[in-house]
Amino acid sequence: AVLQLLLLCIWRKSREQETTARHGRARMTAAACCRRGVGPLRSSSIYSSHAHVRRSWYHATACSPTRRRAMSLADVYERRVGEGCLQFDPLQKVAISKLDKLQSALDNYNHSEFLAKLAKLAKLRENERSIASKSRDTSKPSAISADASKASSLSSSSKVAAATPLLHDLRLPRGFYIHGPVGSGKSLLLDLFHQNSSISSCKKRRLHFHAFLQDIHRRIHAVNKKLLDDHGRSFHVDTCRSRNPILLVAQEVSSEITLLFLDEFQVTDVADAMILKQFFDELWRRGVVVIATSNRPPEKLYEGGLNRSFFLPFIDRLRRYCVVHRMGDESDSTDYRRVKAGIDHLKSGFAEGHFFVGPEAATRIDGLFLSCMESYDEQQRGLELEIGFGRTVSIERYVSNKIARFTFDELCKAELGSNEYHAIANHFQIVVIENIPQLSLEFPDQARRFITLVDELYEGGCCVACSSEIMPDDLFVVRREGIHVSSTDEETLSRPNSNNILAVDAAQSQGKPLSALASVRELAFAFKRAESRLVELTSFAFWKEKGHTGS
């Protein structure tokens, strides 16, 4: 027994020495990396390196105490599958295992500490620049003043050098960018992570990408207006960092949240592309983790867009700060919106649910609207919904906040956008859309508006009823005879009889500017998403889930 105890003590001593040596080597490696200005991280790491920092993820504030998770994300998923709320999918399970790693890293993050040290480093560097500027302004400094300036500069540099290793001690889990076919469960995983994240609810925000852009544009507009009112136009056009409205908005957002969830990430407009590049650069620099879903891989974002070369650095930054995960492809994925709706293929016979096709469609829409009116005796007057920026949208046919009735032309041929659709989706429980035509890339503006409308109705959880002469699966047409788009080279635009997958070059054939091409290309990939969502929103199962029976 004494011999065994002696051997155990020797073994423990050797392990302590080995651990001490390993930690010493790690500190030497970190110090060497600090001198080079990079972090000793592999690209496959769940942590992201920064030019001067390595950061972690949790914003500790007075309103958000640390909340430890009782269950992992995988456990929550398996429990919901066992309860029959979800259907098990191996592709979703793989994504969840990666999200669990991010979740574990988020548990030990202190965002406020990072921001405090970032501010301290910025102040030290500002002092260093001020000293350097003063030394340059002195034309013939004396030996004493030169020595004093050199000593002061060395002191400031030593403070910065002392602060940098402290910042390297902070670790940053990379965000998550998940892309794949429609209906495969990307938004489901986003919501699951959002609901079970250890980050306090007041420090995380979940938005559809349309709503996110609206918020950013509104904030930029407010900052520009304030700068113009306070300082005049000469100040307003100043583009330095301290007066850049995009960076100021990003700094404001980074002080509000730690975790940003974005559903259906897409870039179709040159103005948005330039804003997003600057905005996310500042957001990541200040330690906000981004989790996003998309139908497009990063390399295909803003494909064919005007001045895309200026946007390409954003893609590199996205891959640096986010783990990019692909949720299978068309051949091995399932559209769970169709499964939930109990619908497979609708190309023969009549459409199911509340998507009415054929000569009886108008009658059934009338019956649905009249059945809702029976519960309300008061006379309905025209309604003006506030949509922001001092604008309103007029609603003529509606019943309280229960149901609103529109034609396709009223919603998608008029000059309406995501702001108007968002207001409608948030006000009414049921939205009726009549006389939907077949949509193609020949008229991209109408198709884009309809897809945006469906996205907003889906985010708002609205029940939808439609009438059309076209079956749901034939509603969106990508390939048409005539001019086709090349997916690889803008010089091949307007080439006839091409066999490329992206269909008609509507931007060129309709006399549109080349800047519209990225939006037109994105529509070809958004068609399937809108079709899948429309099938779910009009299904009997969805209406029953929302407490409506329909006609």
Protein backbone atom coordinates (compact mmCIF):
# COMPACT_ATOMS: atom_id res chain seq x y z
CA ALA A 1 0.00 0.00 0.00
CA VAL A 2 2.87 2.37 0.82
CA LEU A 3 4.52 1.54 -2.52
CA GLN A 4 1.27 2.20 -4.40
CA LEU A 5 0.88 5.55 -2.61
CA LEU A 6 4.47 6.47 -3.47
CA LEU A 7 3.95 5.59 -7.16
CA LEU A 8 0.73 7.64 -7.21
CA CYS A 9 2.54 10.69 -5.81
CA ILE A 10 5.31 10.33 -8.42
CA TRP A 11 2.72 10.07 -11.22
CA ARG A 12 0.86 13.17 -10.02
CA LYS A 13 4.10 15.13 -9.77
CA SER A 14 5.08 14.21 -13.33
CA ARG A 15 1.64 15.25 -14.62
CA GLU A 16 1.94 18.63 -12.86
CA GLN A 17 5.36 19.20 -14.43
CA GLU A 18 4.03 18.23 -17.87
CA THR A 19 1.05 20.59 -17.51
CA THR A 20 3.31 23.45 -16.38
CA ALA A 21 5.63 22.89 -19.36
CA ARG A 22 2.69 22.76 -21.79
CA HIS A 23 1.28 26.02 -20.44
CA GLY A 24 4.71 27.62 -20.72
CA ARG A 25 4.99 26.60 -24.38
CA ALA A 26 1.48 27.98 -25.02
CA ARG A 27 2.42 31.34 -23.47
CA MET A 28 5.58 31.51 -25.60
CA THR A 29 3.55 30.73 -28.73
CA ALA A 30 0.97 33.39 -27.84
CA ALA A 31 3.72 35.95 -27.17
CA ALA A 32 5.33 35.21 -30.55
CA CYS A 33 1.97 35.57 -32.28
CA CYS A 34 1.32 38.86 -30.49
CA ARG A 35 4.59 40.22 -31.83
CA ARG A 36 3.48 39.23 -35.34
CA GLY A 37 0.01 40.76 -34.77
CA VAL A 38 -1.91 37.53 -35.42
CA GLY A 39 -3.51 34.82 -33.32
CA PRO A 40 -2.20 31.23 -33.27
CA LEU A 41 -5.42 29.79 -34.71
CA ARG A 42 -6.19 27.38 -37.51
CA SER A 43 -8.92 28.24 -40.02
CA SER A 44 -10.98 25.30 -38.77
CA SER A 45 -11.10 26.69 -35.23
CA ILE A 46 -14.40 27.77 -33.73
CA TYR A 47 -12.55 30.89 -32.63
CA SER A 48 -11.76 33.80 -34.94
CA SER A 49 -8.51 35.76 -34.92
CA HIS A 50 -8.42 39.55 -35.31
CA ALA A 51 -5.59 41.84 -36.34
CA HIS A 52 -4.96 42.68 -32.69
CA VAL A 53 -7.41 40.63 -30.66
CA ARG A 54 -8.94 37.26 -30.04
CA ARG A 55 -12.38 37.61 -28.55
CA SER A 56 -15.04 35.55 -26.80
CA TRP A 57 -18.81 35.84 -26.63
CA TYR A 58 -21.03 36.91 -23.76
CA HIS A 59 -22.17 40.42 -22.99
CA ALA A 60 -22.37 40.69 -19.18
CA THR A 61 -24.48 43.65 -18.13
CA ALA A 62 -26.72 44.57 -15.22
CA CYS A 63 -29.79 43.48 -17.17
CA SER A 64 -28.30 40.22 -18.44
CA PRO A 65 -26.85 37.88 -15.81
CA THR A 66 -25.12 34.76 -17.04
CA ARG A 67 -27.67 32.05 -17.82
CA ARG A 68 -26.26 28.55 -18.00
CA ARG A 69 -28.04 26.07 -20.21
CA ALA A 70 -29.52 23.00 -18.59
CA MET A 71 -29.48 21.14 -21.91
CA SER A 72 -27.32 21.20 -25.01
CA LEU A 73 -28.85 22.14 -28.34
CA ALA A 74 -28.60 18.49 -29.41
CA ASP A 75 -30.54 17.44 -26.29
CA VAL A 76 -33.26 20.03 -27.00
CA TYR A 77 -33.51 18.82 -30.61
CA GLU A 78 -33.74 15.15 -29.60
CA ARG A 79 -36.37 15.95 -26.98
CA ARG A 80 -38.55 17.75 -29.54
CA VAL A 81 -38.14 14.88 -31.97
CA GLY A 82 -39.17 12.47 -29.21
CA GLU A 83 -42.23 14.60 -28.44
CA GLY A 84 -43.24 14.50 -32.10
CA CYS A 85 -42.78 18.25 -32.59
CA LEU A 86 -40.00 17.74 -35.12
CA GLN A 87 -39.01 15.07 -37.61
CA PHE A 88 -35.46 13.79 -37.25
CA ASP A 89 -33.15 14.80 -40.09
CA PRO A 90 -29.48 13.74 -40.26
CA LEU A 91 -28.47 16.95 -42.04
CA GLN A 92 -29.99 19.05 -39.26
CA LYS A 93 -28.23 16.89 -36.67
CA VAL A 94 -24.82 17.61 -38.23
CA ALA A 95 -25.50 21.36 -38.17
CA ILE A 96 -26.66 21.19 -34.55
CA SER A 97 -23.43 19.49 -33.47
CA LYS A 98 -21.50 22.47 -34.84
CA LEU A 99 -23.89 24.97 -33.26
CA ASP A 100 -23.40 23.25 -29.91
CA LYS A 101 -19.68 24.05 -30.10
CA LEU A 102 -20.53 27.70 -30.67
CA GLN A 103 -23.01 27.56 -27.81
CA SER A 104 -20.36 26.20 -25.42
CA ALA A 105 -17.97 28.99 -26.41
CA LEU A 106 -20.68 31.60 -25.84
CA ASP A 107 -21.18 30.46 -22.25
CA ASN A 108 -17.88 31.97 -21.09
CA TYR A 109 -17.86 35.25 -22.99
CA ASN A 110 -17.64 38.74 -21.50
CA HIS A 111 -18.39 41.30 -24.20
CA SER A 112 -18.29 44.33 -21.91
CA GLU A 113 -14.74 43.45 -20.85
CA PHE A 114 -13.68 43.26 -24.48
CA LEU A 115 -15.22 46.64 -25.32
CA ALA A 116 -13.55 48.21 -22.28
CA LYS A 117 -10.13 46.92 -23.32
CA LEU A 118 -10.76 47.94 -26.93
CA ALA A 119 -11.52 51.49 -25.74
CA LYS A 120 -8.37 51.47 -23.60
CA LEU A 121 -6.22 50.38 -26.52
CA ALA A 122 -7.79 53.03 -28.79
CA LYS A 123 -7.00 55.71 -26.21
CA LEU A 124 -3.37 54.57 -25.90
CA ARG A 125 -2.94 54.59 -29.67
CA GLU A 126 -4.49 58.04 -29.92
CA ASN A 127 -1.98 59.29 -27.34
CA GLU A 128 0.83 57.70 -29.31
CA ARG A 129 -0.31 59.38 -32.54
CA SER A 130 -0.61 62.71 -30.73
CA ILE A 131 2.96 62.44 -29.43
CA ALA A 132 4.25 61.46 -32.87
CA SER A 133 2.43 64.40 -34.44
CA LYS A 134 3.93 66.86 -31.95
CA SER A 135 7.44 65.53 -32.57
CA ARG A 136 7.00 66.02 -36.33
CA ASP A 137 5.72 69.58 -35.83
CA THR A 138 8.93 70.55 -34.02
CA SER A 139 11.31 71.65 -36.75
CA LYS A 140 14.56 71.71 -34.74
CA PRO A 141 14.05 70.13 -31.38
CA SER A 142 16.79 70.44 -28.78
CA ALA A 143 18.56 67.38 -27.51
CA ILE A 144 16.62 67.55 -24.25
CA SER A 145 13.21 67.92 -25.95
CA ALA A 146 14.07 65.15 -28.42
CA ASP A 147 15.07 62.84 -25.60
CA ALA A 148 11.88 63.69 -23.72
CA SER A 149 9.77 63.10 -26.82
CA LYS A 150 11.53 59.79 -27.46
CA ALA A 151 11.03 58.70 -23.86
CA SER A 152 7.34 59.66 -23.97
CA SER A 153 6.88 57.80 -27.25
CA LEU A 154 8.60 54.71 -25.85
CA SER A 155 6.39 54.90 -22.77
CA SER A 156 3.24 55.08 -24.87
CA SER A 157 4.43 52.21 -27.09
CA SER A 158 5.18 50.10 -24.07
CA LYS A 159 1.64 50.72 -22.79
CA VAL A 160 0.19 49.60 -26.11
CA ALA A 161 2.47 46.57 -26.11
CA ALA A 162 1.31 45.78 -22.59
CA ALA A 163 -2.36 46.12 -23.55
CA THR A 164 -2.13 43.95 -26.68
CA PRO A 165 -1.37 40.65 -24.89
CA LEU A 166 -4.34 41.31 -22.61
CA LEU A 167 -6.58 41.57 -25.66
CA HIS A 168 -5.09 38.38 -27.05
CA ASP A 169 -6.27 36.60 -23.92
CA LEU A 170 -9.88 37.19 -25.02
CA ARG A 171 -11.34 34.61 -27.36
CA LEU A 172 -13.96 35.03 -30.07
CA PRO A 173 -16.14 32.12 -31.21
CA ARG A 174 -16.86 32.41 -34.90
CA GLY A 175 -20.46 32.95 -35.92
CA PHE A 176 -22.41 30.62 -38.17
CA TYR A 177 -23.54 31.00 -41.79
CA ILE A 178 -25.80 28.17 -42.90
CA HIS A 179 -26.97 27.80 -46.51
CA GLY A 180 -28.83 25.16 -48.44
CA PRO A 181 -32.06 24.22 -50.23
CA VAL A 182 -35.44 25.70 -49.29
CA GLY A 183 -37.45 24.08 -46.52
CA SER A 184 -34.48 22.09 -45.19
CA GLY A 185 -34.74 23.55 -41.67
CA LYS A 186 -32.28 26.46 -41.71
CA SER A 187 -34.72 28.91 -40.10
CA LEU A 188 -35.76 26.21 -37.64
CA LEU A 189 -32.17 25.80 -36.44
CA LEU A 190 -31.76 29.58 -36.25
CA ASP A 191 -34.83 29.86 -34.03
CA LEU A 192 -33.77 26.87 -31.93
CA PHE A 193 -30.38 28.44 -31.25
CA HIS A 194 -31.97 31.82 -30.52
CA GLN A 195 -34.39 30.32 -27.99
CA ASN A 196 -31.75 28.26 -26.17
CA SER A 197 -28.73 30.55 -26.29
CA SER A 198 -27.09 31.42 -22.99
CA ILE A 199 -26.99 35.09 -24.04
CA SER A 200 -29.68 37.13 -22.30
CA SER A 201 -32.71 38.02 -24.41
CA CYS A 202 -31.96 41.75 -24.15
CA LYS A 203 -28.54 41.17 -25.76
CA LYS A 204 -29.61 39.10 -28.75
CA ARG A 205 -31.78 40.04 -31.71
CA ARG A 206 -33.44 37.90 -34.38
CA LEU A 207 -34.50 39.63 -37.62
CA HIS A 208 -35.46 38.77 -41.15
CA PHE A 209 -32.91 40.31 -43.50
CA HIS A 210 -35.51 42.71 -44.94
CA ALA A 211 -36.34 44.04 -41.47
CA PHE A 212 -32.63 44.28 -40.66
CA LEU A 213 -31.96 46.46 -43.72
CA GLN A 214 -34.96 48.65 -42.89
CA ASP A 215 -33.61 49.23 -39.40
CA ILE A 216 -30.10 50.05 -40.66
CA HIS A 217 -31.40 52.50 -43.28
CA ARG A 218 -33.64 54.16 -40.69
CA ARG A 219 -30.75 54.59 -38.26
CA ILE A 220 -28.40 55.91 -40.96
CA HIS A 221 -31.08 58.39 -42.04
CA ALA A 222 -31.47 59.60 -38.43
CA VAL A 223 -27.68 59.97 -37.95
CA ASN A 224 -27.29 61.86 -41.24
CA LYS A 225 -30.14 64.20 -40.31
CA LYS A 226 -28.65 64.90 -36.89
CA LEU A 227 -25.17 65.57 -38.30
CA LEU A 228 -26.62 67.87 -40.93
CA ASP A 229 -28.77 69.78 -38.41
CA ASP A 230 -25.95 70.13 -35.87
CA HIS A 231 -22.96 70.89 -38.08
CA GLY A 232 -24.12 71.86 -41.56
CA ARG A 233 -23.42 70.28 -44.90
CA SER A 234 -19.61 70.66 -44.80
CA PHE A 235 -19.54 68.40 -41.74
CA HIS A 236 -22.20 66.11 -43.17
CA VAL A 237 -20.03 65.00 -46.10
CA ASP A 238 -16.98 64.24 -43.92
CA THR A 239 -16.12 60.54 -44.33
CA CYS A 240 -13.62 60.02 -41.49
CA ARG A 241 -14.33 57.19 -39.06
CA SER A 242 -15.61 59.40 -36.27
CA ARG A 243 -18.19 61.00 -38.60
CA ASN A 244 -19.10 58.06 -40.85
CA PRO A 245 -22.83 57.39 -40.28
CA ILE A 246 -22.52 53.70 -41.21
CA LEU A 247 -19.79 53.14 -38.64
CA LEU A 248 -21.65 55.19 -36.04
CA VAL A 249 -24.73 53.02 -36.50
CA ALA A 250 -22.64 49.84 -36.26
CA GLN A 251 -21.11 51.11 -33.02
CA GLU A 252 -24.59 51.87 -31.70
CA VAL A 253 -25.81 48.37 -32.56
CA SER A 254 -22.72 46.72 -31.04
CA SER A 255 -23.44 48.51 -27.75
CA GLU A 256 -26.98 47.11 -27.74
CA ILE A 257 -26.45 43.45 -28.65
CA THR A 258 -23.92 40.66 -28.56
CA LEU A 259 -25.66 38.12 -30.77
CA LEU A 260 -27.32 38.96 -34.12
CA PHE A 261 -29.53 36.42 -35.95
CA LEU A 262 -30.36 37.12 -39.60
CA ASP A 263 -32.75 34.95 -41.63
CA GLU A 264 -32.57 34.80 -45.45
CA PHE A 265 -29.34 36.76 -45.95
CA GLN A 266 -29.14 38.13 -49.49
CA VAL A 267 -27.55 41.06 -51.30
CA THR A 268 -29.19 42.42 -54.44
CA ASP A 269 -28.56 46.17 -54.42
CA VAL A 270 -25.30 48.05 -54.91
CA ALA A 271 -26.12 50.54 -52.14
CA ASP A 272 -26.84 47.73 -49.67
CA ALA A 273 -23.67 45.94 -50.74
CA MET A 274 -21.50 48.96 -49.91
CA ILE A 275 -23.31 49.58 -46.61
CA LEU A 276 -23.05 45.95 -45.49
CA LYS A 277 -19.31 45.79 -46.09
CA GLN A 278 -18.59 48.75 -43.80
CA PHE A 279 -21.29 47.89 -41.29
CA PHE A 280 -20.23 44.29 -40.65
CA ASP A 281 -16.54 45.16 -40.58
CA GLU A 282 -17.23 47.50 -37.67
CA LEU A 283 -19.69 45.10 -36.06
CA TRP A 284 -17.14 42.26 -36.03
CA ARG A 285 -14.35 44.59 -34.91
CA ARG A 286 -16.46 45.50 -31.89
CA GLY A 287 -17.28 41.92 -31.03
CA VAL A 288 -20.76 41.04 -32.26
CA VAL A 289 -21.30 37.46 -33.37
CA VAL A 290 -23.51 36.93 -36.43
CA ILE A 291 -25.57 33.82 -37.16
CA ALA A 292 -27.28 33.84 -40.55
CA THR A 293 -29.21 31.62 -42.95
CA SER A 294 -29.27 31.91 -46.72
CA ASN A 295 -30.13 30.02 -49.88
CA ARG A 296 -26.78 31.10 -51.35
CA PRO A 297 -23.19 30.26 -50.37
CA PRO A 298 -21.00 33.26 -49.55
CA GLU A 299 -19.20 33.13 -52.91
CA LYS A 300 -22.52 33.61 -54.74
CA LEU A 301 -23.72 36.63 -52.75
CA TYR A 302 -24.28 39.69 -54.96
CA GLU A 303 -23.20 37.63 -57.97
CA GLY A 304 -23.01 39.76 -61.10
CA GLY A 305 -23.67 42.94 -59.16
CA LEU A 306 -22.35 46.36 -60.11
CA ASN A 307 -18.88 47.06 -58.64
CA ARG A 308 -18.88 43.62 -56.99
CA SER A 309 -15.10 43.84 -56.59
CA PHE A 310 -15.68 46.31 -53.74
CA PHE A 311 -17.95 43.76 -52.06
CA LEU A 312 -15.59 40.77 -52.33
CA PRO A 313 -13.57 41.65 -49.17
CA PHE A 314 -16.81 41.23 -47.21
CA ILE A 315 -17.02 37.60 -48.33
CA ASP A 316 -13.48 36.96 -47.02
CA ARG A 317 -14.40 38.60 -43.72
CA LEU A 318 -17.61 36.55 -43.52
CA ARG A 319 -15.66 33.32 -43.87
CA ARG A 320 -13.15 34.54 -41.30
CA TYR A 321 -15.71 35.43 -38.66
CA CYS A 322 -18.33 32.73 -39.40
CA VAL A 323 -18.27 28.97 -39.81
CA VAL A 324 -19.87 28.32 -43.20
CA HIS A 325 -22.05 25.19 -43.24
CA ARG A 326 -23.94 23.68 -46.17
CA MET A 327 -27.25 21.95 -45.40
CA GLY A 328 -27.04 19.33 -48.14
CA ASP A 329 -28.25 19.87 -51.71
CA GLU A 330 -31.43 19.41 -53.70
CA SER A 331 -30.93 15.65 -54.07
CA ASP A 332 -30.63 14.75 -50.37
CA SER A 333 -32.78 17.39 -48.62
CA THR A 334 -36.48 17.46 -47.72
CA ASP A 335 -38.82 20.43 -47.95
CA TYR A 336 -40.38 20.21 -44.49
CA ARG A 337 -42.83 23.01 -45.23
CA ARG A 338 -44.53 20.71 -47.71
CA VAL A 339 -44.33 17.83 -45.25
CA LYS A 340 -45.94 19.97 -42.54
CA ALA A 341 -48.66 21.09 -44.95
CA GLY A 342 -49.33 17.49 -45.96
CA ILE A 343 -48.63 18.35 -49.59
CA ASP A 344 -46.26 16.77 -52.05
CA HIS A 345 -46.78 17.75 -55.69
CA LEU A 346 -49.63 19.98 -56.86
CA LYS A 347 -49.23 19.85 -60.61
CA SER A 348 -52.36 17.83 -61.27
CA GLY A 349 -55.90 18.53 -60.09
CA PHE A 350 -56.85 21.43 -57.89
CA ALA A 351 -54.54 23.04 -55.38
CA GLU A 352 -55.12 22.12 -51.77
CA GLY A 353 -55.62 24.44 -48.81
CA HIS A 354 -56.51 28.06 -49.47
CA PHE A 355 -54.72 28.40 -52.80
CA PHE A 356 -57.76 28.54 -55.08
CA VAL A 357 -57.34 27.76 -58.77
CA GLY A 358 -59.87 27.79 -61.60
CA PRO A 359 -63.30 29.30 -62.24
CA GLU A 360 -64.50 28.77 -58.64
CA ALA A 361 -61.56 30.68 -57.12
CA ALA A 362 -63.31 34.09 -57.02
CA THR A 363 -66.43 32.60 -55.41
CA ARG A 364 -64.43 30.88 -52.69
CA ILE A 365 -62.48 34.08 -51.96
CA ASP A 366 -65.77 36.00 -51.64
CA GLY A 367 -67.13 33.36 -49.28
CA LEU A 368 -64.02 33.52 -47.10
CA PHE A 369 -64.16 37.31 -46.85
CA LEU A 370 -67.91 37.40 -46.12
CA SER A 371 -67.57 34.79 -43.39
CA CYS A 372 -65.11 37.09 -41.60
CA MET A 373 -67.41 40.13 -42.01
CA GLU A 374 -70.28 38.37 -40.21
CA SER A 375 -68.50 38.77 -36.88
CA TYR A 376 -68.25 42.56 -37.24
CA ASP A 377 -71.25 44.88 -37.53
CA GLU A 378 -69.50 48.23 -37.70
CA GLN A 379 -68.93 49.93 -41.05
CA GLN A 380 -65.27 49.72 -42.05
CA ARG A 381 -63.62 52.92 -43.31
CA GLY A 382 -60.39 53.31 -45.20
CA LEU A 383 -57.36 52.46 -43.09
CA GLU A 384 -53.97 54.18 -43.19
CA LEU A 385 -51.14 52.05 -41.77
CA GLU A 386 -47.99 53.83 -40.60
CA ILE A 387 -44.85 52.43 -42.24
CA GLY A 388 -42.18 54.87 -41.06
CA PHE A 389 -40.34 57.79 -42.67
CA GLY A 390 -43.63 59.72 -42.51
CA ARG A 391 -45.31 57.39 -45.01
CA THR A 392 -48.53 55.36 -44.86
CA VAL A 393 -50.16 52.57 -46.89
CA SER A 394 -53.92 52.66 -47.65
CA ILE A 395 -56.12 49.61 -47.02
CA GLU A 396 -59.61 49.73 -48.55
CA ARG A 397 -61.01 46.19 -48.11
CA TYR A 398 -60.51 44.76 -44.64
CA VAL A 399 -62.34 43.56 -41.52
CA SER A 400 -60.90 44.94 -38.28
CA ASN A 401 -57.43 43.40 -37.87
CA LYS A 402 -58.77 39.97 -38.91
CA ILE A 403 -58.50 39.98 -42.70
CA ALA A 404 -57.40 42.26 -45.56
CA ARG A 405 -58.12 41.70 -49.25
CA PHE A 406 -55.90 42.82 -52.13
CA THR A 407 -55.38 42.12 -55.80
CA PHE A 408 -51.93 41.22 -57.07
CA ASP A 409 -51.79 44.51 -59.00
CA GLU A 410 -52.51 46.53 -55.84
CA LEU A 411 -49.62 44.93 -53.97
CA CYS A 412 -47.01 44.12 -56.59
CA LYS A 413 -47.50 46.48 -59.52
CA ALA A 414 -47.68 49.54 -57.29
CA GLU A 415 -44.53 51.15 -55.87
CA LEU A 416 -44.56 49.21 -52.61
CA GLY A 417 -41.74 47.52 -50.74
CA SER A 418 -40.80 45.59 -47.63
CA ASN A 419 -41.85 48.46 -45.32
CA GLU A 420 -45.44 48.36 -46.58
CA TYR A 421 -45.59 44.56 -46.59
CA HIS A 422 -44.17 44.44 -43.07
CA ALA A 423 -46.89 46.81 -41.81
CA ILE A 424 -49.62 44.71 -43.46
CA ALA A 425 -48.22 41.43 -42.09
CA ASN A 426 -48.01 42.80 -38.54
CA HIS A 427 -51.54 44.25 -38.56
CA PHE A 428 -53.71 41.52 -40.12
CA GLN A 429 -54.15 37.85 -39.23
CA ILE A 430 -55.29 36.80 -42.74
CA VAL A 431 -54.21 38.32 -46.05
CA VAL A 432 -56.03 37.54 -49.31
CA ILE A 433 -54.22 38.00 -52.65
CA GLU A 434 -56.35 37.72 -55.79
CA ASN A 435 -55.52 37.15 -59.46
CA ILE A 436 -51.86 36.15 -59.11
CA PRO A 437 -50.35 35.79 -62.61
CA GLN A 438 -47.52 33.53 -63.65
CA LEU A 439 -44.27 35.22 -62.60
CA SER A 440 -40.97 35.17 -64.46
CA LEU A 441 -37.71 37.05 -64.75
CA GLU A 442 -39.14 39.02 -67.68
CA PHE A 443 -40.79 41.34 -65.13
CA PRO A 444 -38.34 41.21 -62.22
CA ASP A 445 -39.84 44.11 -60.26
CA GLN A 446 -43.23 42.40 -59.91
CA ALA A 447 -41.63 39.05 -59.06
CA ARG A 448 -39.30 40.66 -56.53
CA ARG A 449 -42.16 42.46 -54.79
CA PHE A 450 -44.23 39.29 -54.59
CA ILE A 451 -41.33 37.32 -53.11
CA THR A 452 -40.70 40.09 -50.57
CA LEU A 453 -44.42 40.08 -49.73
CA VAL A 454 -44.39 36.32 -49.12
CA ASP A 455 -41.28 36.65 -46.94
CA GLU A 456 -42.91 39.33 -44.77
CA LEU A 457 -46.16 37.38 -44.46
CA TYR A 458 -44.16 34.31 -43.45
CA GLU A 459 -42.21 36.24 -40.81
CA GLY A 460 -45.45 37.78 -39.52
CA GLY A 461 -47.12 34.36 -39.23
CA CYS A 462 -50.07 35.43 -41.42
CA CYS A 463 -52.54 32.99 -42.90
CA VAL A 464 -52.77 33.54 -46.66
CA ALA A 465 -55.49 32.83 -49.22
CA CYS A 466 -54.77 33.17 -52.95
CA SER A 467 -56.59 32.93 -56.25
CA SER A 468 -54.87 32.26 -59.56
CA GLU A 469 -55.21 30.55 -62.91
CA ILE A 470 -51.83 28.90 -62.29
CA MET A 471 -51.06 25.94 -60.02
CA PRO A 472 -48.65 26.75 -57.15
CA ASP A 473 -45.76 24.71 -58.56
CA ASP A 474 -46.11 26.52 -61.91
CA LEU A 475 -46.42 30.00 -60.43
CA PHE A 476 -42.73 30.85 -60.85
CA VAL A 477 -41.04 30.30 -64.19
CA VAL A 478 -37.27 30.52 -64.35
CA ARG A 479 -36.49 29.28 -67.86
CA ARG A 480 -38.06 30.95 -70.87
CA GLU A 481 -37.20 30.93 -74.54
CA GLY A 482 -35.01 33.74 -75.77
CA ILE A 483 -32.22 35.53 -74.00
CA HIS A 484 -30.44 33.76 -71.17
CA VAL A 485 -28.12 34.85 -68.38
CA SER A 486 -24.61 33.54 -67.94
CA SER A 487 -23.79 32.64 -64.34
CA THR A 488 -20.06 33.16 -64.74
CA ASP A 489 -19.23 36.04 -67.03
CA GLU A 490 -20.94 39.39 -67.47
CA GLU A 491 -19.51 39.62 -71.00
CA THR A 492 -21.81 36.77 -72.08
CA LEU A 493 -24.95 38.72 -71.21
CA SER A 494 -27.68 38.77 -73.87
CA ARG A 495 -26.23 35.70 -75.56
CA PRO A 496 -29.16 33.86 -77.21
CA ASN A 497 -29.92 30.14 -76.87
CA SER A 498 -27.65 29.65 -73.86
CA ASN A 499 -28.23 26.54 -71.77
CA ASN A 500 -27.24 28.19 -68.49
CA ILE A 501 -29.48 27.58 -65.50
CA LEU A 502 -30.20 31.18 -64.57
CA ALA A 503 -32.68 31.89 -67.36
CA VAL A 504 -33.66 35.21 -68.95
CA ASP A 505 -31.38 38.21 -68.70
CA ALA A 506 -34.25 40.46 -67.76
CA ALA A 507 -31.96 43.28 -66.77
CA GLN A 508 -30.72 43.59 -70.34
CA SER A 509 -33.75 42.50 -72.34
CA GLN A 510 -36.03 44.98 -70.53
CA GLY A 511 -33.57 47.85 -70.84
CA LYS A 512 -32.64 47.71 -67.16
CA PRO A 513 -29.23 48.96 -65.98
CA LEU A 514 -26.52 46.40 -65.32
CA SER A 515 -26.77 47.23 -61.60
CA ALA A 516 -30.11 45.38 -61.58
CA LEU A 517 -28.53 42.12 -62.74
CA ALA A 518 -27.61 40.84 -59.26
CA SER A 519 -31.20 41.31 -58.13
CA VAL A 520 -32.50 39.48 -61.20
CA ARG A 521 -30.12 36.58 -60.64
CA GLU A 522 -31.09 36.35 -56.98
CA LEU A 523 -34.75 36.03 -57.98
CA ALA A 524 -34.06 32.74 -59.72
CA PHE A 525 -32.97 31.29 -56.37
CA ALA A 526 -35.68 33.06 -54.36
CA PHE A 527 -38.50 31.58 -56.47
CA LYS A 528 -38.31 28.17 -54.78
CA ARG A 529 -38.24 29.70 -51.30
CA ALA A 530 -41.35 31.79 -52.00
CA GLU A 531 -43.17 28.80 -53.52
CA SER A 532 -42.36 26.63 -50.50
CA ARG A 533 -43.49 29.30 -48.03
CA LEU A 534 -46.66 30.04 -49.97
CA VAL A 535 -47.66 26.37 -49.90
CA GLU A 536 -47.30 26.34 -46.09
CA LEU A 537 -49.09 29.67 -45.49
CA THR A 538 -52.13 28.58 -47.53
CA SER A 539 -52.32 25.05 -46.10
CA PHE A 540 -55.16 23.80 -43.89
CA ALA A 541 -52.63 22.67 -41.29
CA PHE A 542 -51.13 26.17 -40.94
CA TRP A 543 -54.56 27.83 -40.70
CA LYS A 544 -55.61 25.35 -38.02
CA GLU A 545 -52.38 26.00 -36.10
CA LYS A 546 -53.21 29.74 -36.09
CA GLY A 547 -56.77 29.12 -34.94
CA HIS A 548 -58.57 29.80 -38.25
CA THR A 549 -60.87 27.45 -40.13
CA GLY A 550 -61.30 29.39 -43.36
CA SER A 551 -64.25 28.85 -45.69
